[in-house]
Protein backbone atom coordinates (compact mmCIF):
# COMPACT_ATOMS: atom_id res chain seq x y z
CA MET A 1 13.07 -262.03 -251.28
CA LYS A 2 12.93 -260.45 -254.52
CA ILE A 3 14.31 -257.33 -254.49
CA GLY A 4 13.79 -254.33 -257.04
CA MET A 5 16.47 -251.86 -257.72
CA PHE A 6 15.48 -248.51 -259.40
CA ILE A 7 18.63 -246.36 -260.29
CA ASN A 8 18.88 -243.66 -262.83
CA TYR A 9 22.67 -244.58 -264.04
CA TYR A 10 23.90 -247.83 -263.98
CA THR A 11 26.87 -249.03 -265.32
CA PRO A 12 28.24 -248.29 -268.13
CA SER A 13 28.32 -245.55 -265.83
CA LYS A 14 30.76 -245.17 -262.90
CA GLY A 15 29.98 -242.87 -260.25
CA GLY A 16 30.26 -243.44 -256.99
CA MET A 17 26.21 -244.09 -256.81
CA GLU A 18 26.36 -246.81 -259.44
CA THR A 19 29.35 -248.36 -257.36
CA SER A 20 27.00 -248.26 -254.62
CA VAL A 21 24.46 -250.33 -256.09
CA ILE A 22 26.41 -252.81 -257.76
CA ASN A 23 27.98 -253.49 -254.33
CA LEU A 24 24.26 -253.66 -252.68
CA SER A 25 23.35 -256.16 -255.61
CA LYS A 26 26.07 -258.34 -255.26
CA GLY A 27 25.97 -258.32 -251.43
CA LEU A 28 22.28 -259.44 -251.65
CA LYS A 29 22.80 -262.16 -253.63
CA LYS A 30 25.82 -263.63 -251.40
CA ALA A 31 23.34 -263.78 -249.06
CA GLY A 32 21.07 -265.34 -251.33
CA HIS A 33 18.41 -262.83 -252.33
CA GLU A 34 17.47 -262.29 -255.92
CA VAL A 35 18.43 -258.77 -257.10
CA PHE A 36 16.72 -256.91 -260.18
CA ILE A 37 17.70 -253.94 -261.63
CA PHE A 38 15.64 -250.96 -263.41
CA ALA A 39 18.35 -248.50 -265.08
CA PRO A 40 18.29 -247.23 -268.42
CA LYS A 41 19.73 -248.14 -271.56
CA TYR A 42 22.90 -246.89 -273.01
CA PRO A 43 23.78 -246.61 -276.20
CA ASN A 44 26.19 -249.28 -277.87
CA TYR A 45 26.02 -251.45 -274.33
CA LYS A 46 24.80 -254.41 -273.53
CA ASP A 47 23.75 -256.25 -269.67
CA GLU A 48 25.36 -260.11 -269.72
CA ASP A 49 22.75 -260.03 -266.38
CA GLU A 50 19.51 -261.36 -267.61
CA ASN A 51 18.10 -259.56 -263.90
CA ILE A 52 18.81 -255.82 -265.09
CA PHE A 53 15.76 -254.20 -267.19
CA ARG A 54 16.82 -251.77 -269.61
CA TYR A 55 14.50 -248.09 -269.98
CA ARG A 56 14.30 -246.26 -273.21
CA SER A 57 16.58 -243.14 -272.53
CA ILE A 58 17.44 -239.98 -274.63
CA ARG A 59 20.96 -239.13 -274.86
CA PHE A 60 22.99 -235.59 -274.44
CA ASN A 61 25.56 -233.52 -274.44
CA TYR A 62 26.42 -231.21 -270.72
CA GLY A 63 29.79 -229.44 -271.46
CA GLY A 64 31.21 -231.96 -274.18
CA TYR A 65 30.28 -234.89 -271.79
CA PHE A 66 27.43 -237.36 -272.63
CA TYR A 67 24.85 -238.43 -270.49
CA VAL A 68 21.69 -240.56 -270.55
CA ILE A 69 17.65 -239.54 -269.17
CA PRO A 70 15.91 -242.97 -268.75
CA VAL A 71 12.11 -242.07 -270.44
CA PRO A 72 9.81 -244.09 -268.66
CA PHE A 73 6.73 -242.84 -270.22
CA GLY A 74 5.02 -245.76 -272.53
CA SER A 75 7.02 -248.49 -270.63
CA LYS A 76 5.64 -251.70 -270.23
CA MET A 77 7.74 -252.14 -267.33
CA LYS A 78 5.14 -252.44 -264.80
CA GLU A 79 3.97 -256.03 -266.21
CA ILE A 80 7.59 -256.83 -265.42
CA VAL A 81 7.51 -255.97 -261.91
CA LYS A 82 4.05 -257.48 -261.39
CA GLU A 83 5.36 -260.66 -262.91
CA LEU A 84 8.28 -260.85 -260.70
CA LYS A 85 6.21 -260.64 -257.44
CA LEU A 86 9.01 -258.38 -255.66
CA ASP A 87 9.32 -258.46 -251.49
CA ILE A 88 10.92 -255.00 -251.51
CA ILE A 89 11.52 -251.94 -254.09
CA HIS A 90 14.60 -249.73 -253.23
CA SER A 91 14.88 -246.35 -254.66
CA HIS A 92 18.04 -244.72 -255.56
CA GLN A 93 16.35 -241.31 -256.94
CA PRO A 94 13.38 -239.39 -255.69
CA TYR A 95 12.47 -238.52 -260.01
CA SER A 96 12.83 -240.00 -263.20
CA LEU A 97 12.90 -243.66 -262.37
CA GLY A 98 13.11 -243.00 -258.53
CA SER A 99 8.95 -241.94 -259.73
CA GLU A 100 8.66 -244.87 -261.36
CA ALA A 101 9.61 -246.75 -258.21
CA MET A 102 7.04 -245.09 -255.94
CA LYS A 103 4.29 -246.01 -258.78
CA PHE A 104 4.59 -249.22 -258.76
CA SER A 105 5.16 -248.98 -254.48
CA LYS A 106 1.48 -247.81 -254.15
CA GLU A 107 0.02 -249.38 -256.99
CA LEU A 108 1.51 -252.75 -256.17
CA SER A 109 1.25 -252.61 -252.56
CA ILE A 110 5.18 -253.19 -251.81
CA PRO A 111 7.31 -251.36 -249.14
CA LEU A 112 9.71 -248.71 -250.61
CA VAL A 113 13.02 -247.91 -249.53
CA PHE A 114 14.85 -244.47 -250.49
CA THR A 115 18.88 -244.00 -249.73
CA TYR A 116 19.85 -240.67 -249.61
CA HIS A 117 22.68 -240.81 -251.91
CA ILE A 118 23.42 -237.12 -252.45
CA LYS A 119 22.83 -233.37 -251.21
CA TYR A 120 20.51 -232.87 -254.47
CA GLU A 121 20.12 -228.96 -253.78
CA ASP A 122 24.27 -228.57 -254.79
CA TYR A 123 23.12 -229.86 -258.00
CA SER A 124 21.00 -227.24 -258.74
CA HIS A 125 23.28 -225.72 -261.56
CA TYR A 126 22.12 -228.53 -263.47
CA ILE A 127 18.61 -226.64 -263.63
CA PRO A 128 19.28 -223.88 -266.37
CA LEU A 129 17.51 -220.26 -266.81
CA VAL A 130 16.33 -220.79 -263.21
CA PRO A 131 18.10 -218.66 -260.14
CA SER A 132 19.91 -220.75 -257.65
CA SER A 133 18.22 -219.46 -254.61
CA ILE A 134 14.92 -220.75 -256.53
CA SER A 135 15.89 -223.81 -257.41
CA LYS A 136 17.30 -225.05 -254.49
CA LYS A 137 14.02 -224.57 -252.94
CA TYR A 138 11.96 -226.53 -255.64
CA ILE A 139 14.72 -229.44 -255.62
CA ARG A 140 14.36 -229.41 -251.63
CA LYS A 141 10.29 -229.37 -251.76
CA ILE A 142 10.44 -232.58 -254.00
CA THR A 143 13.40 -234.55 -252.30
CA VAL A 144 11.76 -233.89 -248.77
CA GLY A 145 8.11 -234.77 -249.96
CA TYR A 146 9.42 -237.98 -252.13
CA SER A 147 11.08 -239.26 -248.96
CA ASN A 148 8.20 -238.98 -246.61
CA LYS A 149 5.87 -240.90 -249.00
CA CYS A 150 8.92 -243.75 -247.97
CA ASP A 151 8.48 -247.01 -245.71
CA ALA A 152 12.02 -245.55 -245.08
CA VAL A 153 14.72 -243.54 -245.58
CA ILE A 154 18.55 -244.47 -245.45
CA SER A 155 21.47 -241.95 -245.18
CA PRO A 156 24.58 -243.13 -245.74
CA SER A 157 25.66 -240.90 -242.71
CA THR A 158 25.01 -238.35 -239.83
CA ALA A 159 25.63 -235.34 -240.81
CA ILE A 160 22.88 -236.42 -244.00
CA LYS A 161 20.31 -237.58 -241.09
CA ARG A 162 20.53 -234.55 -239.38
CA LEU A 163 20.24 -232.11 -242.31
CA ILE A 164 17.64 -233.98 -244.36
CA GLU A 165 15.27 -234.04 -241.03
CA ASN A 166 15.80 -230.20 -240.73
CA HIS A 167 14.94 -229.80 -244.35
CA GLY A 168 11.74 -231.65 -243.17
CA VAL A 169 12.00 -235.33 -243.67
CA ALA A 170 9.65 -236.92 -241.18
CA ALA A 171 9.60 -240.55 -242.37
CA SER A 172 12.17 -242.91 -240.55
CA VAL A 173 15.32 -242.24 -241.91
CA LYS A 174 18.09 -245.24 -240.93
CA ILE A 175 22.32 -244.53 -240.85
CA ILE A 176 23.18 -247.16 -242.75
CA PRO A 177 26.96 -246.08 -244.29
CA SER A 178 27.48 -248.19 -247.86
CA GLY A 179 30.16 -250.45 -247.76
CA ILE A 180 32.95 -251.49 -250.22
CA ASN A 181 34.86 -255.33 -251.12
CA ILE A 182 37.95 -254.37 -249.05
CA ASP A 183 39.99 -256.91 -250.01
CA ASN A 184 39.60 -256.11 -253.58
CA PHE A 185 41.58 -253.09 -252.94
CA GLN A 186 44.21 -254.43 -250.59
CA ASN A 187 45.15 -257.20 -252.54
CA ASP A 188 48.32 -255.84 -253.88
CA THR A 189 48.32 -255.55 -257.45
CA GLY A 190 51.84 -255.94 -257.95
CA LYS A 191 51.51 -253.20 -260.44
CA LYS A 192 52.99 -249.91 -258.42
CA LYS A 193 56.20 -249.77 -261.21
CA GLU A 194 54.24 -250.16 -264.30
CA ILE A 195 51.64 -247.50 -263.04
CA ARG A 196 53.88 -245.02 -262.65
CA GLU A 197 55.93 -246.10 -265.41
CA LYS A 198 52.53 -245.97 -267.85
CA TYR A 199 52.27 -242.13 -266.48
CA ARG A 200 55.44 -241.03 -266.33
CA VAL A 201 55.87 -240.23 -262.10
CA LYS A 202 59.31 -241.54 -261.08
CA GLN A 203 59.54 -243.73 -258.42
CA ASP A 204 60.49 -241.43 -255.44
CA GLU A 205 58.04 -239.32 -256.55
CA ILE A 206 55.14 -238.57 -254.37
CA MET A 207 52.25 -239.15 -256.05
CA LEU A 208 48.51 -237.34 -254.90
CA ILE A 209 44.99 -238.38 -256.68
CA THR A 210 41.84 -238.14 -256.73
CA ALA A 211 38.98 -239.82 -258.03
CA CYS A 212 35.09 -238.44 -259.16
CA ARG A 213 32.84 -237.87 -262.10
CA LEU A 214 34.87 -234.68 -263.67
CA THR A 215 31.95 -231.93 -262.36
CA LYS A 216 31.35 -228.82 -261.20
CA GLU A 217 30.26 -229.96 -257.88
CA LYS A 218 33.29 -232.32 -256.86
CA ASN A 219 34.93 -228.52 -256.60
CA LEU A 220 38.06 -229.78 -258.30
CA GLU A 221 39.66 -226.54 -259.30
CA PHE A 222 40.23 -226.00 -255.24
CA LEU A 223 42.03 -228.94 -255.52
CA VAL A 224 44.23 -227.77 -258.65
CA ARG A 225 44.65 -224.37 -256.94
CA SER A 226 45.93 -226.04 -253.60
CA PHE A 227 47.85 -228.26 -255.73
CA VAL A 228 49.89 -224.55 -257.19
CA LYS A 229 50.30 -223.77 -253.66
CA ILE A 230 52.04 -227.49 -252.81
CA THR A 231 54.39 -227.58 -255.75
CA GLN A 232 55.90 -224.19 -254.71
CA LYS A 233 57.11 -226.03 -251.44
CA GLU A 234 57.57 -229.36 -252.68
CA LYS A 235 58.86 -229.55 -256.52
CA ASN A 236 59.18 -234.25 -256.15
CA ILE A 237 55.32 -234.13 -256.69
CA LYS A 238 52.51 -235.11 -259.08
CA PHE A 239 48.76 -235.35 -259.01
CA MET A 240 46.60 -237.82 -260.72
CA ILE A 241 43.10 -236.61 -261.47
CA VAL A 242 41.05 -239.67 -262.42
CA GLY A 243 37.78 -239.73 -264.45
CA ASP A 244 35.65 -237.75 -266.84
CA GLY A 245 33.39 -235.39 -266.69
CA ALA A 246 32.05 -231.68 -268.11
CA VAL A 247 34.96 -229.56 -266.25
CA LYS A 248 37.90 -231.86 -267.36
CA LYS A 249 39.20 -229.78 -270.43
CA ASP A 250 38.62 -226.47 -268.00
CA LEU A 251 40.54 -228.08 -265.66
CA GLU A 252 43.37 -229.05 -267.92
CA LYS A 253 43.50 -225.53 -269.32
CA MET A 254 43.80 -224.14 -265.86
CA ALA A 255 46.47 -226.37 -264.76
CA GLU A 256 48.37 -225.24 -267.78
CA ASP A 257 47.57 -221.60 -267.18
CA LEU A 258 49.20 -222.19 -263.73
CA GLY A 259 52.12 -223.64 -264.80
CA ILE A 260 51.70 -227.01 -263.67
CA LYS A 261 50.57 -228.89 -266.86
CA GLU A 262 53.53 -231.33 -266.65
CA LYS A 263 52.81 -232.24 -263.35
CA VAL A 264 49.05 -232.64 -263.08
CA ILE A 265 47.72 -236.29 -265.04
CA PHE A 266 44.73 -237.03 -266.64
CA THR A 267 43.95 -240.65 -266.94
CA GLY A 268 39.99 -240.03 -268.29
CA LEU A 269 38.14 -242.68 -267.29
CA VAL A 270 39.63 -246.03 -266.31
CA ASP A 271 38.67 -250.04 -265.71
CA ARG A 272 37.16 -250.45 -261.98
CA THR A 273 40.32 -253.16 -261.78
CA GLU A 274 42.31 -250.37 -263.06
CA ILE A 275 41.39 -248.40 -260.17
CA VAL A 276 42.88 -250.28 -257.39
CA SER A 277 46.31 -250.16 -259.21
CA LEU A 278 46.18 -246.42 -259.33
CA TYR A 279 45.52 -246.10 -255.71
CA GLN A 280 48.51 -248.67 -254.52
CA ALA A 281 50.62 -247.10 -256.81
CA SER A 282 49.71 -243.27 -255.07
CA ASP A 283 51.03 -242.10 -251.70
CA ILE A 284 48.14 -239.66 -250.78
CA PHE A 285 43.95 -239.03 -251.90
CA VAL A 286 43.18 -235.55 -252.17
CA PHE A 287 39.07 -234.56 -251.87
CA ALA A 288 37.21 -230.96 -251.44
CA SER A 289 33.50 -232.22 -252.72
CA LYS A 290 31.30 -230.54 -250.09
CA THR A 291 28.13 -232.53 -251.43
CA GLU A 292 28.79 -235.95 -250.91
CA THR A 293 26.69 -238.14 -248.21
CA GLN A 294 29.31 -240.53 -247.81
CA GLY A 295 32.36 -240.45 -250.46
CA LEU A 296 32.92 -243.96 -251.53
CA VAL A 297 36.22 -242.91 -253.22
CA ALA A 298 37.62 -242.14 -250.36
CA VAL A 299 37.22 -245.29 -248.04
CA GLU A 300 38.28 -247.09 -251.66
CA ALA A 301 41.44 -244.82 -251.03
CA MET A 302 42.14 -245.49 -247.84
CA ALA A 303 41.80 -249.62 -248.23
CA ALA A 304 44.25 -249.40 -250.67
CA GLY A 305 46.67 -247.46 -248.29
CA CYS A 306 46.17 -244.05 -249.15
CA PRO A 307 45.68 -241.53 -246.12
CA VAL A 308 43.27 -238.53 -247.00
CA VAL A 309 43.46 -235.12 -246.87
CA ALA A 310 39.81 -233.73 -247.47
CA VAL A 311 37.97 -230.53 -247.08
CA LYS A 312 35.81 -231.17 -244.13
CA ALA A 313 32.56 -231.64 -244.59
CA SER A 314 29.20 -233.72 -244.51
CA GLY A 315 29.74 -237.57 -245.50
CA ILE A 316 33.19 -237.37 -245.53
CA GLU A 317 34.01 -236.43 -241.48
CA ASP A 318 32.30 -239.91 -240.61
CA ILE A 319 34.63 -241.60 -242.72
CA VAL A 320 38.63 -239.66 -241.80
CA LYS A 321 39.63 -239.75 -238.54
CA ASP A 322 41.66 -236.49 -238.66
CA GLY A 323 45.14 -236.70 -237.65
CA GLU A 324 45.15 -240.52 -237.27
CA ASP A 325 44.14 -241.69 -240.88
CA GLY A 326 44.30 -238.18 -242.74
CA PHE A 327 43.44 -235.18 -242.20
CA LEU A 328 40.25 -232.59 -242.66
CA THR A 329 40.87 -229.25 -243.35
CA SER A 330 38.63 -226.08 -243.87
CA SER A 331 37.78 -224.25 -247.15
CA SER A 332 41.27 -222.61 -247.21
CA GLU A 333 43.81 -223.69 -250.51
CA GLU A 334 46.68 -222.51 -247.73
CA ASP A 335 44.77 -225.49 -244.93
CA PHE A 336 44.47 -227.56 -247.37
CA ALA A 337 47.88 -227.67 -248.96
CA GLU A 338 49.48 -227.27 -245.78
CA LYS A 339 48.10 -230.90 -244.15
CA VAL A 340 48.98 -232.36 -247.78
CA LEU A 341 52.64 -230.88 -246.83
CA GLN A 342 53.11 -232.21 -243.28
CA ILE A 343 52.34 -235.98 -244.75
CA VAL A 344 54.81 -235.26 -247.75
CA ASN A 345 57.44 -234.22 -245.33
CA ASN A 346 57.05 -236.53 -243.15
CA GLU A 347 57.71 -239.96 -244.23
CA GLU A 348 57.16 -241.57 -240.83
CA LEU A 349 53.38 -239.79 -240.66
CA ARG A 350 53.06 -240.70 -243.95
CA LYS A 351 53.46 -244.25 -243.35
CA LYS A 352 51.63 -244.50 -240.23
CA MET A 353 48.96 -242.40 -241.47
CA ALA A 354 48.37 -245.11 -244.43
CA GLU A 355 48.48 -248.20 -242.00
CA LYS A 356 45.40 -246.60 -240.31
CA ALA A 357 43.58 -246.11 -243.44
CA LYS A 358 43.92 -249.64 -244.55
CA GLU A 359 42.53 -250.56 -240.64
CA ASN A 360 39.88 -248.19 -240.65
CA SER A 361 38.53 -249.11 -244.04
CA ARG A 362 37.27 -252.10 -242.57
CA LYS A 363 34.85 -250.56 -240.73
CA PHE A 364 33.06 -250.25 -244.02
CA GLU A 365 32.85 -253.76 -245.24
CA ILE A 366 29.69 -255.01 -247.29
CA ALA A 367 28.71 -257.97 -245.25
CA PRO A 368 27.65 -256.21 -242.53
CA TRP A 369 26.67 -252.80 -244.25
CA VAL A 370 24.19 -255.60 -246.21
CA ASP A 371 22.91 -257.20 -243.11
CA LYS A 372 21.77 -254.04 -242.05
CA ILE A 373 19.65 -253.33 -244.79
CA MET A 374 18.49 -256.78 -244.85
CA LYS A 375 17.37 -256.16 -241.36
CA LEU A 376 15.37 -253.16 -242.51
CA TYR A 377 13.85 -254.70 -245.68
CA GLU A 378 12.63 -257.52 -243.44
CA SER A 379 10.79 -254.95 -241.08
CA LEU A 380 9.13 -253.39 -243.35
CA ILE A 381 8.15 -256.86 -245.16
């Protein structure tokens, strides 16, 4: 089978959506299928895979962080898509290259699948000079309209399926959680001591970790404020923030102003291989985003043996089993800090939750995920 994937962000970008598409592509290839990626160009980046086709793009600065926007106008991708004789098109956004995917699907009579990766309305702040109430309605109209023109929509969680159907999505919606290569995170890299020495974390200190694109919608300020409350009761603790983005400088200043600069570690962007070692060197994964449809980073951390403390929200509540492999909390900083401290101050509970986290992460293996996707593709073809 020949599958065309259209995505607005891809390597070298390192977000959860990109990771999901990379994992799915690898799984499909392993199952004997051909996968072709259509994504934007990035400056000074060259692909080794000849099945990746890049659109011209515009690079822009948002809060000191650089993004690219694909420019499909005037491209000759239609000829390439026709020559490839695709069996299925899989779109990962409802706009830009998602529109390209829709166009090719209609013009070439190829079934179209759309994965609803994020709660798009929660990103309304990226639309300048427009009140949030107006931009959210516009975004909802676009995403619902796009979904209803697809042959099938994939929702990574039960909550998101319920949400988008309530918004008006009448297309067939299938719940298929994304998967990861669990073994990559469970095989011991043997670098715990090295990582802690590198980032000046003592071997007996508890280390909290979070990993994501450092942007407003990830609710990272909540984590920093909660960490202040944690440090008031536990001194032998550090907090590592992995990633880069528009709010990184704001977070660094916030940590300094709150007097916890020496306890908060900003790693910046790290290689995918290093993130495994960072998780394995940590004790608890913390997460406060309310915009996720799933939250694969939490699965990664669990696979590496980190209990999770997360604000209860759509997506993450399908991953974390409250009281078993971590805690789901309210939006209260006090509640969040209290749940973290419960794990910090109880070594037996921490070890028990770590083992359960590893065990429960197995539900998100790549193979079953790919199998469900393949069955969906086949039914549409």
